[in-house]
Every structure is written in C-alpha cells, then in structure tokens.
Amino acid sequence: MKYPAFMTKINRICAYISGGIIFSAAALAVMESILRKGFLSPTTWSLNLTSGIFIWAAFLGSAWAFQELGHVSIDLIRDAIESKWKSAKRMPRRVMSLIGYGISFVSVSALLYGGWKLSERSIELNQYAPYNFKFHLFISYSAIVVGCVLMLMTLVFIILDLLKGEDKYL
C-alpha cells in the first residue's frame, strides 16, 4: 500500500498553514520590536496573540514532519543491527521502524487524550487566556486535538506502508 495521496495533500496544506502562522508570528515580533524600541509604544496584545497561535503552528506541522521524515531520528541502533544481519527485505530495520512508529503512536495517543481533557476542561470552566488580549483557551487546546488526530492518521498509514513492504519509512 502506497501512502495515500489525500493524506499527503492534507498534511501539505497544514504545513503551509503552519508556515504562515510562523511567518505571521515573526512579523508580529518585528512589529513589536519596532514599536517598543523605535517609538517607545509597545503593544499590549502581540506577544499574547503570538503565544496563543504558535501552538497551532507546532501541531499542524507535526503530521507533515512524520510524513516527510522531517522529525528527529537516531538510526544508530537500526544501522548497527542492519549491518550485522543482512536480509533481502531489510527485516531488522523494518521491525525496528515498526517498533519506533508504534511507540510514537502510543505517545501521540496519550497526548491526544490529554489535549481532549484540556479542551473539555476549558469549556466546562469557561477559561480565557490570562492576557490583555483575551481569547478562549479552547482555541489553543483544540490545536492539540487536531494535530494529534492528523499525526495518528499519518502514523497509521506509515505503519501500514511498512507492513506492506514499502521502504520509504525505513
């Protein structure tokens, strides 16, 4: 099974949105610096807004990082095992990859659960950000849920890809 094209498109769109958020946050930081140092008139909202939306950039871009192998990976053990036990299907490396992606799946699932609980709690308690620029914390916490769902879908397709014998994610 090849990695599905629709997931590639979804993750690419999310990566572009993530990049746009990072660019916007950088522009806000530059604007804030100019206003603060150049005009002695800092804003009361730009840092708060940046903090509130940056979580979206991190979680929207994370599924794309899995898909494009852009995450940190330490291949020392896999490479050592593969060099010692050669096989036609690269089975030792495949097994190690499956274990690694399986651990990632469990970790992201736990993060999804925590994000879901935070989102629920923010709604129950009607929590707002403790900044001058008030926004409901559900807006930030829901980024955890959305990002984790995308990551889990991506991980499922990567694991299926490995089980079918594809080599991209080795």
Protein backbone atom coordinates (compact mmCIF):
# COMPACT_ATOMS: atom_id res chain seq x y z
CA MET A 1 0.00 0.00 0.00
CA LYS A 2 1.39 3.33 -1.03
CA TYR A 3 1.00 6.24 1.34
CA PRO A 4 -2.36 7.82 0.34
CA ALA A 5 -2.31 10.94 -1.80
CA PHE A 6 -5.16 12.54 0.16
CA MET A 7 -3.09 12.44 3.38
CA THR A 8 -0.16 13.98 1.54
CA LYS A 9 -2.42 16.83 0.41
CA ILE A 10 -3.96 17.35 3.86
CA ASN A 11 -0.57 17.37 5.56
CA ARG A 12 0.91 19.69 2.93
CA ILE A 13 -1.95 22.18 3.38
CA CYS A 14 -1.47 22.03 7.15
CA ALA A 15 2.28 22.56 6.72
CA TYR A 16 1.62 25.68 4.62
CA ILE A 17 -0.79 26.97 7.25
CA SER A 18 1.83 26.24 9.91
CA GLY A 19 4.44 28.15 7.93
CA GLY A 20 2.03 31.05 7.52
CA ILE A 21 1.44 31.16 11.26
CA ILE A 22 5.20 31.16 11.92
CA PHE A 23 5.71 33.93 9.35
CA SER A 24 2.89 35.95 10.92
CA ALA A 25 4.35 35.45 14.40
CA ALA A 26 7.75 36.63 13.16
CA ALA A 27 6.14 39.69 11.54
CA LEU A 28 4.35 40.47 14.80
CA ALA A 29 7.64 40.14 16.70
CA VAL A 30 9.37 42.54 14.31
CA MET A 31 6.47 44.98 14.55
CA GLU A 32 6.54 44.76 18.34
CA SER A 33 10.30 45.39 18.42
CA ILE A 34 10.00 48.44 16.17
CA LEU A 35 7.12 49.86 18.18
CA ARG A 36 8.78 49.13 21.52
CA LYS A 37 12.31 50.35 20.72
CA GLY A 38 11.71 52.84 17.93
CA PHE A 39 8.54 54.55 19.09
CA LEU A 40 8.51 53.65 22.80
CA SER A 41 4.95 52.46 22.32
CA PRO A 42 4.70 48.69 22.75
CA THR A 43 1.52 46.83 22.01
CA THR A 44 -0.32 45.04 24.76
CA TRP A 45 -1.56 42.18 22.60
CA SER A 46 1.02 40.98 20.04
CA LEU A 47 3.04 38.73 22.36
CA ASN A 48 -0.16 37.24 23.78
CA LEU A 49 -1.60 36.58 20.34
CA THR A 50 1.65 35.01 19.17
CA SER A 51 1.76 32.73 22.20
CA GLY A 52 -1.84 31.68 21.62
CA ILE A 53 -1.47 30.79 17.94
CA PHE A 54 2.03 29.33 17.95
CA ILE A 55 0.66 26.05 19.32
CA TRP A 56 -1.32 25.72 16.08
CA ALA A 57 1.88 26.03 14.04
CA ALA A 58 3.58 23.30 16.06
CA PHE A 59 0.73 20.82 15.90
CA LEU A 60 -0.32 21.43 12.30
CA GLY A 61 3.24 20.94 11.10
CA SER A 62 3.92 17.80 13.11
CA ALA A 63 1.99 15.37 10.88
CA TRP A 64 3.84 16.71 7.85
CA ALA A 65 7.14 16.14 9.70
CA PHE A 66 6.24 12.47 10.19
CA GLN A 67 5.15 12.12 6.58
CA GLU A 68 8.29 13.73 5.14
CA LEU A 69 10.71 12.17 7.65
CA GLY A 70 11.44 15.64 8.99
CA HIS A 71 11.41 14.58 12.63
CA VAL A 72 14.49 13.76 14.68
CA SER A 73 15.54 10.18 14.19
CA ILE A 74 18.51 8.36 15.67
CA ASP A 75 19.41 5.48 13.40
CA LEU A 76 22.47 4.24 15.26
CA ILE A 77 20.86 1.06 16.60
CA ARG A 78 18.91 0.31 13.41
CA ASP A 79 22.03 0.76 11.28
CA ALA A 80 24.12 -1.44 13.58
CA ILE A 81 21.51 -4.22 13.56
CA GLU A 82 21.03 -3.98 9.80
CA SER A 83 24.77 -4.19 9.10
CA LYS A 84 25.09 -7.28 11.30
CA TRP A 85 22.03 -9.14 9.95
CA LYS A 86 21.53 -8.52 6.25
CA SER A 87 18.23 -9.60 4.78
CA ALA A 88 16.55 -9.15 1.42
CA LYS A 89 13.51 -7.35 2.84
CA ARG A 90 15.57 -5.29 5.31
CA MET A 91 13.58 -7.06 8.02
CA PRO A 92 15.66 -5.99 11.06
CA ARG A 93 15.37 -2.34 10.05
CA ARG A 94 11.66 -2.79 9.27
CA VAL A 95 10.99 -4.31 12.70
CA MET A 96 12.90 -1.53 14.44
CA SER A 97 10.98 1.08 12.42
CA LEU A 98 7.67 -0.54 13.30
CA ILE A 99 8.61 -0.53 16.98
CA GLY A 100 9.61 3.15 16.79
CA TYR A 101 6.44 4.20 14.98
CA GLY A 102 4.39 2.07 17.39
CA ILE A 103 5.91 3.91 20.36
CA SER A 104 5.19 7.19 18.58
CA PHE A 105 1.56 6.08 18.08
CA VAL A 106 1.15 5.34 21.79
CA SER A 107 2.80 8.65 22.76
CA VAL A 108 0.64 10.70 20.37
CA SER A 109 -2.46 8.84 21.61
CA ALA A 110 -1.62 9.87 25.18
CA LEU A 111 -1.08 13.44 24.01
CA LEU A 112 -4.45 13.36 22.22
CA TYR A 113 -6.15 12.19 25.40
CA GLY A 114 -4.53 14.98 27.40
CA GLY A 115 -5.42 17.58 24.77
CA TRP A 116 -9.01 16.35 24.73
CA LYS A 117 -9.23 16.62 28.53
CA LEU A 118 -7.73 20.12 28.48
CA SER A 119 -10.22 21.17 25.81
CA GLU A 120 -13.16 19.76 27.78
CA ARG A 121 -11.98 21.43 30.97
CA SER A 122 -11.51 24.80 29.30
CA ILE A 123 -15.13 24.65 28.10
CA GLU A 124 -16.50 23.49 31.47
CA LEU A 125 -14.63 26.20 33.38
CA ASN A 126 -15.06 28.83 30.64
CA GLN A 127 -11.32 29.54 30.74
CA TYR A 128 -9.81 32.50 28.96
CA ALA A 129 -6.15 33.28 28.40
CA PRO A 130 -4.76 35.38 31.26
CA TYR A 131 -3.55 38.10 28.91
CA ASN A 132 -4.62 41.58 27.90
CA PHE A 133 -5.77 40.01 24.64
CA LYS A 134 -8.46 37.64 25.90
CA PHE A 135 -9.35 34.52 23.93
CA HIS A 136 -10.91 31.25 24.99
CA LEU A 137 -8.28 28.63 25.82
CA PHE A 138 -10.28 26.08 23.85
CA ILE A 139 -8.89 27.76 20.72
CA SER A 140 -5.33 26.86 21.73
CA TYR A 141 -6.11 23.48 23.28
CA SER A 142 -8.06 22.30 20.25
CA ALA A 143 -4.80 22.57 18.26
CA ILE A 144 -3.52 19.63 20.31
CA VAL A 145 -6.55 17.54 19.35
CA VAL A 146 -6.47 18.44 15.66
CA GLY A 147 -2.71 17.96 15.39
CA CYS A 148 -2.77 14.63 17.21
CA VAL A 149 -5.58 13.28 15.03
CA LEU A 150 -3.56 14.21 11.93
CA MET A 151 -0.42 12.64 13.41
CA LEU A 152 -2.26 9.43 14.31
CA MET A 153 -3.73 9.14 10.82
CA THR A 154 -0.27 9.71 9.35
CA LEU A 155 1.28 7.13 11.67
CA VAL A 156 -1.36 4.54 10.78
CA PHE A 157 -0.61 4.95 7.08
CA ILE A 158 3.15 4.84 7.70
CA ILE A 159 2.79 1.61 9.70
CA LEU A 160 0.58 0.08 7.00
CA ASP A 161 3.12 1.17 4.41
CA LEU A 162 5.89 -0.61 6.32
CA LEU A 163 3.79 -3.75 6.81
CA LYS A 164 3.11 -3.91 3.05
CA GLY A 165 6.85 -3.91 2.35
CA GLU A 166 7.41 -0.32 1.20
CA ASP A 167 10.80 1.16 2.05
CA LYS A 168 10.19 4.92 2.24
CA TYR A 169 9.75 4.99 6.01
CA LEU A 170 12.60 2.68 6.93
